[in-house]
Every structure is written in C-alpha cells, then in structure tokens.
Amino acid sequence: MIETSGVIEKEQGNGFYLVTLEQPAGHQCLCRAAGKLTKFRIKLLAGDKVLVEISPYDLTRGRITYRERNAGATGPRPGGNRPGGPAEALVACGLLEGDQVEPVALFLLDDAG
C-alpha cells in the first residue's frame, strides 16, 4: 500500500470523497473512509487534510485512514475537531485575544474542619 496525504476536495456521495494528493502533486483519487472512521463516526468535510492509502494496482482509488486535527486553524472547522469546539468557546469568553487569565484553584471543604 502507498500511504500519502491529501486534501478532500468534495464529497461525491455514497461515502466517496474526491481527494487531491500532495505526493504525486495534483493527482486526484476517489477515496472511501476506512472502517474505523465510520465506526467512530468521524466526520469528513471538504478542506480536511487526510492520510490516504492507495493500492499500487489502481492509483485512482484509495482509502482514507486518518483525518488530521486542525485545532486553531481558520478553515472549515475553526473550533478544532468539531464545530463549536474549544477555540470558538475561548473567543466567546474573550480569552483568545491575549487577555491574561489567572488560574483558579477549587478547594473542597470538609464538614469536620
């Protein structure tokens, strides 16, 4: 198997994705998500950077084995792994703009003391 990285261009329907590969520069192949991705319901969107396995016998078909995380990126998923994720929450609180945040310690008080 040939393993390379690429970017999802568009969803073709029926579980297939058109992926533009990086290693053979500009090569496009029709890929399907691997079983672990579908089992754990990992969503794939256009613009996601993925790892693809390609058979040396048919270079036009492949299998997506991993979706790279893009936490903090300004792309189709600005919140990290999921829409509305940690980066969006920090922006909403005003913490991402560079404000200093002091750590808060929580203490559990015992009834005896």
PDB file of N, CA and C in Angstrom:
ATOM      1  N   MET A   1       0.842  -1.187   0.000  1.00  0.00           N
ATOM      2  CA  MET A   1       0.000   0.000   0.000  1.00  0.00           C
ATOM      3  C   MET A   1       0.886   1.249   0.000  1.00  0.00           C
ATOM      4  N   ILE A   2       0.462   2.221  -0.742  1.00  0.00           N
ATOM      5  CA  ILE A   2       1.150   3.515  -0.783  1.00  0.00           C
ATOM      6  C   ILE A   2       0.385   4.456   0.138  1.00  0.00           C
ATOM      7  N   GLU A   3       1.078   5.073   1.102  1.00  0.00           N
ATOM      8  CA  GLU A   3       0.420   5.980   2.038  1.00  0.00           C
ATOM      9  C   GLU A   3       0.903   7.396   1.775  1.00  0.00           C
ATOM     10  N   THR A   4      -0.026   8.304   1.567  1.00  0.00           N
ATOM     11  CA  THR A   4       0.298   9.694   1.300  1.00  0.00           C
ATOM     12  C   THR A   4      -0.773  10.583   1.915  1.00  0.00           C
ATOM     13  N   SER A   5      -0.527  11.874   1.947  1.00  0.00           N
ATOM     14  CA  SER A   5      -1.509  12.801   2.500  1.00  0.00           C
ATOM     15  C   SER A   5      -2.150  13.601   1.372  1.00  0.00           C
ATOM     16  N   GLY A   6      -3.318  14.133   1.676  1.00  0.00           N
ATOM     17  CA  GLY A   6      -4.046  14.901   0.680  1.00  0.00           C
ATOM     18  C   GLY A   6      -5.122  15.744   1.327  1.00  0.00           C
ATOM     19  N   VAL A   7      -5.872  16.434   0.495  1.00  0.00           N
ATOM     20  CA  VAL A   7      -6.942  17.318   0.949  1.00  0.00           C
ATOM     21  C   VAL A   7      -8.236  16.912   0.253  1.00  0.00           C
ATOM     22  N   ILE A   8      -9.304  16.812   1.019  1.00  0.00           N
ATOM     23  CA  ILE A   8     -10.602  16.455   0.445  1.00  0.00           C
ATOM     24  C   ILE A   8     -11.119  17.638  -0.362  1.00  0.00           C
ATOM     25  N   GLU A   9     -11.403  17.408  -1.626  1.00  0.00           N
ATOM     26  CA  GLU A   9     -11.934  18.459  -2.493  1.00  0.00           C
ATOM     27  C   GLU A   9     -13.456  18.551  -2.374  1.00  0.00           C
ATOM     28  N   LYS A  10     -14.133  17.413  -2.518  1.00  0.00           N
ATOM     29  CA  LYS A  10     -15.593  17.417  -2.382  1.00  0.00           C
ATOM     30  C   LYS A  10     -16.091  16.016  -2.092  1.00  0.00           C
ATOM     31  N   GLU A  11     -17.308  15.962  -1.577  1.00  0.00           N
ATOM     32  CA  GLU A  11     -17.944  14.681  -1.294  1.00  0.00           C
ATOM     33  C   GLU A  11     -18.717  14.259  -2.535  1.00  0.00           C
ATOM     34  N   GLN A  12     -18.459  13.048  -2.977  1.00  0.00           N
ATOM     35  CA  GLN A  12     -19.090  12.562  -4.193  1.00  0.00           C
ATOM     36  C   GLN A  12     -20.436  11.902  -3.940  1.00  0.00           C
ATOM     37  N   GLY A  13     -20.723  11.563  -2.703  1.00  0.00           N
ATOM     38  CA  GLY A  13     -21.949  10.851  -2.404  1.00  0.00           C
ATOM     39  C   GLY A  13     -21.680   9.370  -2.224  1.00  0.00           C
ATOM     40  N   ASN A  14     -22.560   8.694  -1.510  1.00  0.00           N
ATOM     41  CA  ASN A  14     -22.451   7.266  -1.254  1.00  0.00           C
ATOM     42  C   ASN A  14     -21.161   6.896  -0.520  1.00  0.00           C
ATOM     43  N   GLY A  15     -20.651   7.827   0.301  1.00  0.00           N
ATOM     44  CA  GLY A  15     -19.468   7.558   1.110  1.00  0.00           C
ATOM     45  C   GLY A  15     -18.139   7.763   0.415  1.00  0.00           C
ATOM     46  N   PHE A  16     -18.143   8.305  -0.786  1.00  0.00           N
ATOM     47  CA  PHE A  16     -16.899   8.536  -1.524  1.00  0.00           C
ATOM     48  C   PHE A  16     -16.518  10.008  -1.470  1.00  0.00           C
ATOM     49  N   TYR A  17     -15.198  10.258  -1.490  1.00  0.00           N
ATOM     50  CA  TYR A  17     -14.664  11.612  -1.457  1.00  0.00           C
ATOM     51  C   TYR A  17     -13.621  11.768  -2.548  1.00  0.00           C
ATOM     52  N   LEU A  18     -13.600  12.929  -3.186  1.00  0.00           N
ATOM     53  CA  LEU A  18     -12.573  13.240  -4.175  1.00  0.00           C
ATOM     54  C   LEU A  18     -11.423  13.913  -3.430  1.00  0.00           C
ATOM     55  N   VAL A  19     -10.244  13.289  -3.434  1.00  0.00           N
ATOM     56  CA  VAL A  19      -9.099  13.766  -2.669  1.00  0.00           C
ATOM     57  C   VAL A  19      -7.978  14.147  -3.625  1.00  0.00           C
ATOM     58  N   THR A  20      -7.403  15.334  -3.416  1.00  0.00           N
ATOM     59  CA  THR A  20      -6.230  15.764  -4.169  1.00  0.00           C
ATOM     60  C   THR A  20      -4.999  15.444  -3.330  1.00  0.00           C
ATOM     61  N   LEU A  21      -4.104  14.640  -3.873  1.00  0.00           N
ATOM     62  CA  LEU A  21      -2.940  14.166  -3.133  1.00  0.00           C
ATOM     63  C   LEU A  21      -1.786  15.151  -3.224  1.00  0.00           C
ATOM     64  N   GLU A  22      -0.911  15.118  -2.214  1.00  0.00           N
ATOM     65  CA  GLU A  22       0.246  16.009  -2.185  1.00  0.00           C
ATOM     66  C   GLU A  22       1.468  15.393  -2.859  1.00  0.00           C
ATOM     67  N   GLN A  23       1.688  14.073  -2.669  1.00  0.00           N
ATOM     68  CA  GLN A  23       2.928  13.471  -3.142  1.00  0.00           C
ATOM     69  C   GLN A  23       2.986  13.345  -4.657  1.00  0.00           C
ATOM     70  N   PRO A  24       2.128  12.631  -5.336  1.00  0.00           N
ATOM     71  CA  PRO A  24       2.117  12.878  -6.782  1.00  0.00           C
ATOM     72  C   PRO A  24       1.349  14.178  -6.975  1.00  0.00           C
ATOM     73  N   ALA A  25       2.047  15.273  -7.064  1.00  0.00           N
ATOM     74  CA  ALA A  25       1.468  16.618  -6.988  1.00  0.00           C
ATOM     75  C   ALA A  25       0.249  16.774  -7.897  1.00  0.00           C
ATOM     76  N   GLY A  26      -0.882  17.082  -7.277  1.00  0.00           N
ATOM     77  CA  GLY A  26      -2.103  17.350  -8.012  1.00  0.00           C
ATOM     78  C   GLY A  26      -2.894  16.126  -8.429  1.00  0.00           C
ATOM     79  N   HIS A  27      -2.386  14.938  -8.127  1.00  0.00           N
ATOM     80  CA  HIS A  27      -3.097  13.708  -8.501  1.00  0.00           C
ATOM     81  C   HIS A  27      -4.390  13.596  -7.688  1.00  0.00           C
ATOM     82  N   GLN A  28      -5.486  13.265  -8.357  1.00  0.00           N
ATOM     83  CA  GLN A  28      -6.767  13.108  -7.668  1.00  0.00           C
ATOM     84  C   GLN A  28      -7.174  11.650  -7.670  1.00  0.00           C
ATOM     85  N   CYS A  29      -7.750  11.220  -6.540  1.00  0.00           N
ATOM     86  CA  CYS A  29      -8.247   9.855  -6.482  1.00  0.00           C
ATOM     87  C   CYS A  29      -9.570   9.836  -5.719  1.00  0.00           C
ATOM     88  N   LEU A  30     -10.351   8.833  -6.014  1.00  0.00           N
ATOM     89  CA  LEU A  30     -11.644   8.645  -5.377  1.00  0.00           C
ATOM     90  C   LEU A  30     -11.425   7.762  -4.154  1.00  0.00           C
ATOM     91  N   CYS A  31     -11.767   8.279  -2.981  1.00  0.00           N
ATOM     92  CA  CYS A  31     -11.457   7.570  -1.739  1.00  0.00           C
ATOM     93  C   CYS A  31     -12.718   7.322  -0.926  1.00  0.00           C
ATOM     94  N   ARG A  32     -12.629   6.274  -0.132  1.00  0.00           N
ATOM     95  CA  ARG A  32     -13.700   5.921   0.784  1.00  0.00           C
ATOM     96  C   ARG A  32     -13.121   5.927   2.197  1.00  0.00           C
ATOM     97  N   ALA A  33     -13.931   6.258   3.206  1.00  0.00           N
ATOM     98  CA  ALA A  33     -13.462   6.287   4.582  1.00  0.00           C
ATOM     99  C   ALA A  33     -13.222   4.864   5.076  1.00  0.00           C
ATOM    100  N   ALA A  34     -12.161   4.675   5.856  1.00  0.00           N
ATOM    101  CA  ALA A  34     -11.843   3.366   6.411  1.00  0.00           C
ATOM    102  C   ALA A  34     -12.876   2.985   7.472  1.00  0.00           C
ATOM    103  N   GLY A  35     -12.892   1.711   7.831  1.00  0.00           N
ATOM    104  CA  GLY A  35     -13.881   1.197   8.764  1.00  0.00           C
ATOM    105  C   GLY A  35     -13.840   1.856  10.130  1.00  0.00           C
ATOM    106  N   LYS A  36     -12.634   2.160  10.657  1.00  0.00           N
ATOM    107  CA  LYS A  36     -12.526   2.793  11.974  1.00  0.00           C
ATOM    108  C   LYS A  36     -13.106   4.210  11.959  1.00  0.00           C
ATOM    109  N   LEU A  37     -12.960   4.906  10.829  1.00  0.00           N
ATOM    110  CA  LEU A  37     -13.517   6.259  10.737  1.00  0.00           C
ATOM    111  C   LEU A  37     -15.040   6.221  10.766  1.00  0.00           C
ATOM    112  N   THR A  38     -15.618   5.259  10.077  1.00  0.00           N
ATOM    113  CA  THR A  38     -17.074   5.169  10.075  1.00  0.00           C
ATOM    114  C   THR A  38     -17.586   4.599  11.388  1.00  0.00           C
ATOM    115  N   LYS A  39     -16.821   3.700  12.004  1.00  0.00           N
ATOM    116  CA  LYS A  39     -17.234   3.101  13.274  1.00  0.00           C
ATOM    117  C   LYS A  39     -17.332   4.160  14.373  1.00  0.00           C
ATOM    118  N   PHE A  40     -16.348   5.041  14.438  1.00  0.00           N
ATOM    119  CA  PHE A  40     -16.334   6.075  15.465  1.00  0.00           C
ATOM    120  C   PHE A  40     -16.958   7.381  14.991  1.00  0.00           C
ATOM    121  N   ARG A  41     -17.630   7.342  13.840  1.00  0.00           N
ATOM    122  CA  ARG A  41     -18.389   8.466  13.284  1.00  0.00           C
ATOM    123  C   ARG A  41     -17.567   9.746  13.176  1.00  0.00           C
ATOM    124  N   ILE A  42     -16.384   9.612  12.602  1.00  0.00           N
ATOM    125  CA  ILE A  42     -15.536  10.782  12.377  1.00  0.00           C
ATOM    126  C   ILE A  42     -16.000  11.449  11.090  1.00  0.00           C
ATOM    127  N   LYS A  43     -16.377  12.715  11.212  1.00  0.00           N
ATOM    128  CA  LYS A  43     -16.926  13.443  10.074  1.00  0.00           C
ATOM    129  C   LYS A  43     -15.808  13.944   9.173  1.00  0.00           C
ATOM    130  N   LEU A  44     -16.027  13.832   7.882  1.00  0.00           N
ATOM    131  CA  LEU A  44     -15.084  14.309   6.889  1.00  0.00           C
ATOM    132  C   LEU A  44     -15.772  15.389   6.060  1.00  0.00           C
ATOM    133  N   LEU A  45     -15.113  16.542   5.941  1.00  0.00           N
ATOM    134  CA  LEU A  45     -15.654  17.662   5.179  1.00  0.00           C
ATOM    135  C   LEU A  45     -14.653  18.100   4.121  1.00  0.00           C
ATOM    136  N   ALA A  46     -15.132  18.829   3.143  1.00  0.00           N
ATOM    137  CA  ALA A  46     -14.248  19.381   2.117  1.00  0.00           C
ATOM    138  C   ALA A  46     -13.268  20.338   2.790  1.00  0.00           C
ATOM    139  N   GLY A  47     -11.994  20.207   2.434  1.00  0.00           N
ATOM    140  CA  GLY A  47     -10.954  21.042   3.019  1.00  0.00           C
ATOM    141  C   GLY A  47     -10.173  20.352   4.115  1.00  0.00           C
ATOM    142  N   ASP A  48     -10.630  19.208   4.594  1.00  0.00           N
ATOM    143  CA  ASP A  48      -9.913  18.471   5.629  1.00  0.00           C
ATOM    144  C   ASP A  48      -8.658  17.822   5.052  1.00  0.00           C
ATOM    145  N   LYS A  49      -7.579  17.855   5.836  1.00  0.00           N
ATOM    146  CA  LYS A  49      -6.343  17.194   5.438  1.00  0.00           C
ATOM    147  C   LYS A  49      -6.391  15.764   5.965  1.00  0.00           C
ATOM    148  N   VAL A  50      -6.158  14.787   5.090  1.00  0.00           N
ATOM    149  CA  VAL A  50      -6.329  13.376   5.439  1.00  0.00           C
ATOM    150  C   VAL A  50      -5.125  12.559   4.981  1.00  0.00           C
ATOM    151  N   LEU A  51      -4.966  11.378   5.596  1.00  0.00           N
ATOM    152  CA  LEU A  51      -3.998  10.390   5.154  1.00  0.00           C
ATOM    153  C   LEU A  51      -4.735   9.364   4.311  1.00  0.00           C
ATOM    154  N   VAL A  52      -4.144   8.988   3.192  1.00  0.00           N
ATOM    155  CA  VAL A  52      -4.803   8.103   2.235  1.00  0.00           C
ATOM    156  C   VAL A  52      -3.888   6.923   1.927  1.00  0.00           C
ATOM    157  N   GLU A  53      -4.474   5.734   1.892  1.00  0.00           N
ATOM    158  CA  GLU A  53      -3.777   4.540   1.420  1.00  0.00           C
ATOM    159  C   GLU A  53      -4.245   4.257   0.001  1.00  0.00           C
ATOM    160  N   ILE A  54      -3.282   4.046  -0.892  1.00  0.00           N
ATOM    161  CA  ILE A  54      -3.606   3.781  -2.296  1.00  0.00           C
ATOM    162  C   ILE A  54      -2.982   2.451  -2.689  1.00  0.00           C
ATOM    163  N   SER A  55      -3.730   1.647  -3.406  1.00  0.00           N
ATOM    164  CA  SER A  55      -3.202   0.384  -3.902  1.00  0.00           C
ATOM    165  C   SER A  55      -2.282   0.662  -5.088  1.00  0.00           C
ATOM    166  N   PRO A  56      -1.152  -0.012  -5.173  1.00  0.00           N
ATOM    167  CA  PRO A  56      -0.268   0.201  -6.333  1.00  0.00           C
ATOM    168  C   PRO A  56      -0.870  -0.324  -7.639  1.00  0.00           C
ATOM    169  N   TYR A  57      -1.918  -1.123  -7.541  1.00  0.00           N
ATOM    170  CA  TYR A  57      -2.544  -1.678  -8.739  1.00  0.00           C
ATOM    171  C   TYR A  57      -3.546  -0.729  -9.366  1.00  0.00           C
ATOM    172  N   ASP A  58      -4.200   0.120  -8.540  1.00  0.00           N
ATOM    173  CA  ASP A  58      -5.172   1.077  -9.056  1.00  0.00           C
ATOM    174  C   ASP A  58      -4.945   2.406  -8.348  1.00  0.00           C
ATOM    175  N   LEU A  59      -4.284   3.324  -9.019  1.00  0.00           N
ATOM    176  CA  LEU A  59      -3.922   4.610  -8.409  1.00  0.00           C
ATOM    177  C   LEU A  59      -5.057   5.621  -8.416  1.00  0.00           C
ATOM    178  N   THR A  60      -6.231   5.239  -8.910  1.00  0.00           N
ATOM    179  CA  THR A  60      -7.363   6.165  -8.937  1.00  0.00           C
ATOM    180  C   THR A  60      -8.305   5.952  -7.760  1.00  0.00           C
ATOM    181  N   ARG A  61      -8.079   4.891  -6.964  1.00  0.00           N
ATOM    182  CA  ARG A  61      -8.934   4.583  -5.814  1.00  0.00           C
ATOM    183  C   ARG A  61      -8.087   4.525  -4.565  1.00  0.00           C
ATOM    184  N   GLY A  62      -8.696   4.888  -3.416  1.00  0.00           N
ATOM    185  CA  GLY A  62      -7.949   4.851  -2.166  1.00  0.00           C
ATOM    186  C   GLY A  62      -8.857   4.725  -0.965  1.00  0.00           C
ATOM    187  N   ARG A  63      -8.223   4.685   0.207  1.00  0.00           N
ATOM    188  CA  ARG A  63      -8.939   4.564   1.473  1.00  0.00           C
ATOM    189  C   ARG A  63      -8.410   5.639   2.413  1.00  0.00           C
ATOM    190  N   ILE A  64      -9.313   6.449   2.979  1.00  0.00           N
ATOM    191  CA  ILE A  64      -8.933   7.477   3.947  1.00  0.00           C
ATOM    192  C   ILE A  64      -8.770   6.791   5.301  1.00  0.00           C
ATOM    193  N   THR A  65      -7.563   6.879   5.876  1.00  0.00           N
ATOM    194  CA  THR A  65      -7.296   6.185   7.132  1.00  0.00           C
ATOM    195  C   THR A  65      -7.215   7.118   8.328  1.00  0.00           C
ATOM    196  N   TYR A  66      -7.024   8.429   8.116  1.00  0.00           N
ATOM    197  CA  TYR A  66      -6.839   9.347   9.239  1.00  0.00           C
ATOM    198  C   TYR A  66      -7.196  10.759   8.797  1.00  0.00           C
ATOM    199  N   ARG A  67      -7.915  11.488   9.648  1.00  0.00           N
ATOM    200  CA  ARG A  67      -8.169  12.915   9.411  1.00  0.00           C
ATOM    201  C   ARG A  67      -7.332  13.695  10.394  1.00  0.00           C
ATOM    202  N   GLU A  68      -6.472  14.573   9.883  1.00  0.00           N
ATOM    203  CA  GLU A  68      -5.588  15.348  10.754  1.00  0.00           C
ATOM    204  C   GLU A  68      -6.372  16.413  11.491  1.00  0.00           C
ATOM    205  N   ARG A  69      -5.979  16.639  12.723  1.00  0.00           N
ATOM    206  CA  ARG A  69      -6.627  17.665  13.542  1.00  0.00           C
ATOM    207  C   ARG A  69      -6.116  19.025  13.120  1.00  0.00           C
ATOM    208  N   ASN A  70      -7.002  19.996  13.139  1.00  0.00           N
ATOM    209  CA  ASN A  70      -6.622  21.351  12.750  1.00  0.00           C
ATOM    210  C   ASN A  70      -7.088  22.334  13.813  1.00  0.00           C
ATOM    211  N   ALA A  71      -6.687  22.106  15.059  1.00  0.00           N
ATOM    212  CA  ALA A  71      -7.109  22.974  16.161  1.00  0.00           C
ATOM    213  C   ALA A  71      -6.518  24.365  15.969  1.00  0.00           C
ATOM    214  N   GLY A  72      -7.365  25.364  16.067  1.00  0.00           N
ATOM    215  CA  GLY A  72      -6.919  26.741  15.952  1.00  0.00           C
ATOM    216  C   GLY A  72      -6.783  27.230  14.524  1.00  0.00           C
ATOM    217  N   ALA A  73      -7.022  26.393  13.546  1.00  0.00           N
ATOM    218  CA  ALA A  73      -6.891  26.799  12.152  1.00  0.00           C
ATOM    219  C   ALA A  73      -8.135  27.578  11.721  1.00  0.00           C
ATOM    220  N   THR A  74      -7.941  28.471  10.759  1.00  0.00           N
ATOM    221  CA  THR A  74      -9.075  29.212  10.224  1.00  0.00           C
ATOM    222  C   THR A  74      -9.479  28.564   8.916  1.00  0.00           C
ATOM    223  N   GLY A  75     -10.227  27.500   8.992  1.00  0.00           N
ATOM    224  CA  GLY A  75     -10.664  26.776   7.818  1.00  0.00           C
ATOM    225  C   GLY A  75     -12.111  26.386   7.987  1.00  0.00           C
ATOM    226  N   PRO A  76     -12.472  25.246   7.434  1.00  0.00           N
ATOM    227  CA  PRO A  76     -13.861  24.829   7.550  1.00  0.00           C
ATOM    228  C   PRO A  76     -14.262  24.481   8.975  1.00  0.00           C
ATOM    229  N   ARG A  77     -13.267  24.214   9.856  1.00  0.00           N
ATOM    230  CA  ARG A  77     -13.572  23.879  11.240  1.00  0.00           C
ATOM    231  C   ARG A  77     -12.748  24.747  12.177  1.00  0.00           C
ATOM    232  N   PRO A  78     -13.190  25.992  12.423  1.00  0.00           N
ATOM    233  CA  PRO A  78     -12.381  26.883  13.248  1.00  0.00           C
ATOM    234  C   PRO A  78     -12.316  26.466  14.698  1.00  0.00           C
ATOM    235  N   GLY A  79     -13.213  25.622  15.169  1.00  0.00           N
ATOM    236  CA  GLY A  79     -13.232  25.241  16.572  1.00  0.00           C
ATOM    237  C   GLY A  79     -12.399  24.035  16.879  1.00  0.00           C
ATOM    238  N   GLY A  80     -11.567  23.584  15.987  1.00  0.00           N
ATOM    239  CA  GLY A  80     -10.766  22.400  16.246  1.00  0.00           C
ATOM    240  C   GLY A  80     -11.386  21.195  15.588  1.00  0.00           C
ATOM    241  N   ASN A  81     -11.576  20.137  16.347  1.00  0.00           N
ATOM    242  CA  ASN A  81     -12.062  18.890  15.773  1.00  0.00           C
ATOM    243  C   ASN A  81     -13.541  18.911  15.460  1.00  0.00           C
ATOM    244  N   ARG A  82     -14.297  19.686  16.188  1.00  0.00           N
ATOM    245  CA  ARG A  82     -15.740  19.687  15.970  1.00  0.00           C
ATOM    246  C   ARG A  82     -16.231  21.125  15.860  1.00  0.00           C
ATOM    247  N   PRO A  83     -17.299  21.361  15.126  1.00  0.00           N
ATOM    248  CA  PRO A  83     -17.845  22.713  15.025  1.00  0.00           C
ATOM    249  C   PRO A  83     -18.293  23.196  16.396  1.00  0.00           C
ATOM    250  N   GLY A  84     -17.954  24.437  16.722  1.00  0.00           N
ATOM    251  CA  GLY A  84     -18.307  24.998  18.013  1.00  0.00           C
ATOM    252  C   GLY A  84     -17.419  24.487  19.123  1.00  0.00           C
ATOM    253  N   GLY A  85     -16.204  24.082  18.784  1.00  0.00           N
ATOM    254  CA  GLY A  85     -15.292  23.465  19.735  1.00  0.00           C
ATOM    255  C   GLY A  85     -14.545  24.457  20.605  1.00  0.00           C
ATOM    256  N   PRO A  86     -13.363  24.076  21.098  1.00  0.00           N
ATOM    257  CA  PRO A  86     -12.670  24.853  22.115  1.00  0.00           C
ATOM    258  C   PRO A  86     -12.250  26.248  21.681  1.00  0.00           C
ATOM    259  N   ALA A  87     -11.818  26.430  20.449  1.00  0.00           N
ATOM    260  CA  ALA A  87     -11.372  27.757  20.025  1.00  0.00           C
ATOM    261  C   ALA A  87     -12.542  28.739  19.978  1.00  0.00           C
ATOM    262  N   GLU A  88     -13.697  28.288  19.492  1.00  0.00           N
ATOM    263  CA  GLU A  88     -14.872  29.163  19.464  1.00  0.00           C
ATOM    264  C   GLU A  88     -15.311  29.544  20.866  1.00  0.00           C
ATOM    265  N   ALA A  89     -15.227  28.614  21.805  1.00  0.00           N
ATOM    266  CA  ALA A  89     -15.617  28.895  23.180  1.00  0.00           C
ATOM    267  C   ALA A  89     -14.681  29.921  23.803  1.00  0.00           C
ATOM    268  N   LEU A  90     -13.388  29.846  23.490  1.00  0.00           N
ATOM    269  CA  LEU A  90     -12.432  30.806  24.030  1.00  0.00           C
ATOM    270  C   LEU A  90     -12.638  32.193  23.447  1.00  0.00           C
ATOM    271  N   VAL A  91     -12.999  32.269  22.176  1.00  0.00           N
ATOM    272  CA  VAL A  91     -13.267  33.564  21.561  1.00  0.00           C
ATOM    273  C   VAL A  91     -14.516  34.182  22.183  1.00  0.00           C
ATOM    274  N   ALA A  92     -15.535  33.359  22.427  1.00  0.00           N
ATOM    275  CA  ALA A  92     -16.772  33.850  23.023  1.00  0.00           C
ATOM    276  C   ALA A  92     -16.525  34.399  24.425  1.00  0.00           C
ATOM    277  N   CYS A  93     -15.605  33.797  25.177  1.00  0.00           N
ATOM    278  CA  CYS A  93     -15.285  34.268  26.532  1.00  0.00           C
ATOM    279  C   CYS A  93     -14.318  35.438  26.509  1.00  0.00           C
ATOM    280  N   GLY A  94     -13.722  35.717  25.365  1.00  0.00           N
ATOM    281  CA  GLY A  94     -12.755  36.805  25.275  1.00  0.00           C
ATOM    282  C   GLY A  94     -11.366  36.406  25.743  1.00  0.00           C
ATOM    283  N   LEU A  95     -11.078  35.113  25.825  1.00  0.00           N
ATOM    284  CA  LEU A  95      -9.789  34.660  26.330  1.00  0.00           C
ATOM    285  C   LEU A  95      -8.768  34.434  25.230  1.00  0.00           C
ATOM    286  N   LEU A  96      -9.202  34.330  24.007  1.00  0.00           N
ATOM    287  CA  LEU A  96      -8.288  34.012  22.914  1.00  0.00           C
ATOM    288  C   LEU A  96      -7.558  35.237  22.391  1.00  0.00           C
ATOM    289  N   GLU A  97      -8.013  36.432  22.735  1.00  0.00           N
ATOM    290  CA  GLU A  97      -7.431  37.650  22.203  1.00  0.00           C
ATOM    291  C   GLU A  97      -6.135  38.048  22.899  1.00  0.00           C
ATOM    292  N   GLY A  98      -5.687  37.280  23.884  1.00  0.00           N
ATOM    293  CA  GLY A  98      -4.428  37.589  24.541  1.00  0.00           C
ATOM    294  C   GLY A  98      -4.602  38.091  25.963  1.00  0.00           C
ATOM    295  N   ASP A  99      -5.813  38.116  26.478  1.00  0.00           N
ATOM    296  CA  ASP A  99      -6.024  38.533  27.859  1.00  0.00           C
ATOM    297  C   ASP A  99      -5.359  37.540  28.798  1.00  0.00           C
ATOM    298  N   GLN A 100      -4.792  38.051  29.877  1.00  0.00           N
ATOM    299  CA  GLN A 100      -4.164  37.188  30.861  1.00  0.00           C
ATOM    300  C   GLN A 100      -5.240  36.554  31.731  1.00  0.00           C
ATOM    301  N   VAL A 101      -5.112  35.280  31.942  1.00  0.00           N
ATOM    302  CA  VAL A 101      -6.066  34.548  32.757  1.00  0.00           C
ATOM    303  C   VAL A 101      -5.318  33.955  33.938  1.00  0.00           C
ATOM    304  N   GLU A 102      -5.808  34.223  35.147  1.00  0.00           N
ATOM    305  CA  GLU A 102      -5.174  33.665  36.330  1.00  0.00           C
ATOM    306  C   GLU A 102      -5.813  32.316  36.636  1.00  0.00           C
ATOM    307  N   PRO A 103      -5.003  31.328  36.997  1.00  0.00           N
ATOM    308  CA  PRO A 103      -5.584  30.031  37.323  1.00  0.00           C
ATOM    309  C   PRO A 103      -6.413  30.107  38.595  1.00  0.00           C
ATOM    310  N   VAL A 104      -7.482  29.377  38.584  1.00  0.00           N
ATOM    311  CA  VAL A 104      -8.400  29.369  39.730  1.00  0.00           C
ATOM    312  C   VAL A 104      -8.296  28.005  40.398  1.00  0.00           C
ATOM    313  N   ALA A 105      -8.087  28.028  41.716  1.00  0.00           N
ATOM    314  CA  ALA A 105      -7.993  26.771  42.465  1.00  0.00           C
ATOM    315  C   ALA A 105      -9.304  26.538  43.184  1.00  0.00           C
ATOM    316  N   LEU A 106      -9.803  25.320  43.124  1.00  0.00           N
ATOM    317  CA  LEU A 106     -11.039  24.953  43.804  1.00  0.00           C
ATOM    318  C   LEU A 106     -10.688  24.069  44.980  1.00  0.00           C
ATOM    319  N   PHE A 107     -11.251  24.373  46.133  1.00  0.00           N
ATOM    320  CA  PHE A 107     -10.997  23.586  47.330  1.00  0.00           C
ATOM    321  C   PHE A 107     -12.294  22.929  47.795  1.00  0.00           C
ATOM    322  N   LEU A 108     -12.205  21.687  48.202  1.00  0.00           N
ATOM    323  CA  LEU A 108     -13.350  21.002  48.748  1.00  0.00           C
ATOM    324  C   LEU A 108     -13.287  21.114  50.263  1.00  0.00           C
ATOM    325  N   LEU A 109     -14.303  21.684  50.834  1.00  0.00           N
ATOM    326  CA  LEU A 109     -14.333  21.858  52.297  1.00  0.00           C
ATOM    327  C   LEU A 109     -14.996  20.677  52.933  1.00  0.00           C
ATOM    328  N   ASP A 110     -14.393  20.198  53.970  1.00  0.00           N
ATOM    329  CA  ASP A 110     -14.914  19.057  54.711  1.00  0.00           C
ATOM    330  C   ASP A 110     -15.789  19.576  55.852  1.00  0.00           C
ATOM    331  N   ASP A 111     -16.842  18.842  56.176  1.00  0.00           N
ATOM    332  CA  ASP A 111     -17.738  19.258  57.260  1.00  0.00           C
ATOM    333  C   ASP A 111     -17.019  19.275  58.609  1.00  0.00           C
ATOM    334  N   ALA A 112     -16.017  18.439  58.774  1.00  0.00           N
ATOM    335  CA  ALA A 112     -15.333  18.328  60.065  1.00  0.00           C
ATOM    336  C   ALA A 112     -14.384  19.482  60.284  1.00  0.00           C
ATOM    337  N   GLY A 113     -13.927  20.112  59.252  1.00  0.00           N
ATOM    338  CA  GLY A 113     -12.879  21.080  59.544  1.00  0.00           C
ATOM    339  C   GLY A 113     -12.980  22.319  58.803  1.00  0.00           C
TER     340      GLY A 113
END
